[in-house]
Protein backbone atom coordinates (compact mmCIF):
# COMPACT_ATOMS: atom_id res chain seq x y z
CA MET A 1 -17.63 -30.14 -32.05
CA GLY A 2 -20.98 -29.58 -29.83
CA ASN A 3 -21.66 -26.20 -28.07
CA THR A 4 -20.12 -27.66 -24.73
CA GLU A 5 -16.82 -28.41 -26.39
CA LYS A 6 -16.68 -24.99 -28.12
CA LEU A 7 -17.44 -23.40 -24.54
CA CYS A 8 -14.71 -25.65 -23.09
CA SER A 9 -12.32 -24.60 -25.82
CA ILE A 10 -12.94 -20.85 -25.62
CA LEU A 11 -13.29 -20.84 -21.73
CA PRO A 12 -9.50 -20.46 -20.90
CA LEU A 13 -9.33 -17.72 -23.38
CA ILE A 14 -12.18 -15.71 -21.62
CA ALA A 15 -10.59 -16.42 -18.31
CA LEU A 16 -7.13 -15.14 -19.78
CA CYS A 17 -8.93 -11.88 -20.93
CA ALA A 18 -10.66 -11.29 -17.67
CA PHE A 19 -7.41 -11.92 -15.76
CA MET A 20 -5.64 -9.30 -18.02
CA ALA A 21 -8.18 -6.84 -17.67
CA CYS A 22 -7.93 -7.11 -14.06
CA MET A 23 -4.17 -6.81 -13.88
CA ALA A 24 -4.52 -3.66 -16.06
CA VAL A 25 -6.87 -2.00 -13.67
CA MET A 26 -4.80 -2.64 -10.72
CA VAL A 27 -1.85 -1.30 -12.52
CA VAL A 28 -3.87 2.00 -13.29
CA ASN A 29 -5.03 2.01 -9.55
CA LEU A 30 -1.54 1.70 -8.24
CA ALA A 31 -0.49 4.78 -10.75
CA TYR A 32 -3.39 6.87 -9.39
CA MET A 33 -2.75 5.87 -5.81
CA SER A 34 0.86 7.12 -6.10
CA LYS A 35 -0.06 10.26 -7.91
CA LEU A 36 -2.71 10.73 -4.90
CA ASP A 37 -0.25 10.26 -2.27
CA ASN A 38 1.96 12.65 -3.61
CA THR A 39 -0.75 15.60 -3.85
CA ILE A 40 -1.69 14.66 -0.41
CA ASP A 41 1.76 15.34 0.75
CA THR A 42 2.10 18.69 -1.23
CA MET A 43 -1.17 19.72 0.62
CA TRP A 44 0.01 18.76 3.86
CA HIS A 45 3.26 20.76 3.26
CA GLU A 46 1.03 23.80 2.16
CA ILE A 47 -1.26 23.40 5.33
CA GLU A 48 1.69 23.44 7.53
CA GLN A 49 3.09 26.64 5.75
CA VAL A 50 -0.35 28.18 6.14
CA LYS A 51 -0.43 27.05 9.75
CA GLU A 52 3.15 28.75 10.70
CA THR A 53 2.08 32.09 8.67
CA ASN A 54 -1.28 32.12 10.91
CA LEU A 55 0.92 31.70 14.05
CA GLN A 56 3.38 34.32 13.30
CA LEU A 57 0.48 36.78 12.09
CA TYR A 58 -1.42 36.09 15.31
CA GLN A 59 1.98 36.62 17.58
CA PHE A 60 2.33 39.82 15.63
CA ILE A 61 -1.13 41.07 16.18
CA GLU A 62 -0.76 40.06 19.82
CA GLY A 63 2.59 42.08 20.19
CA TYR A 64 0.92 45.23 18.79
CA LYS A 65 -2.46 44.83 20.45
CA ASN A 66 -2.02 47.85 22.94
CA ASP A 67 -0.05 49.83 20.33
CA ASN A 68 -2.25 53.19 20.35
CA ARG A 69 -0.41 54.84 17.33
CA TYR A 70 -2.77 53.59 14.93
C-alpha cells in the first residue's frame, strides 16, 4: 500500500472528524446564543423598569419643585 492509497483511506475519516467538530461548535454556539438572548431580554426588562422609576421620580420632583417647605 503506497502513501497515496493510505491517504485516500484516511481522508474520509479526517473529513468526518472535521464535520463532527464543526457540528459540535455549532451546537455550542446555538446554546450560547440562546443564553445570550435570555440575558438581553432580562437586561431590557431592567432598563424599562429603571426608565419608569426615573420618569416617576422626575414627575415627583416637578410636582414639588415650587414647594418652599424644605
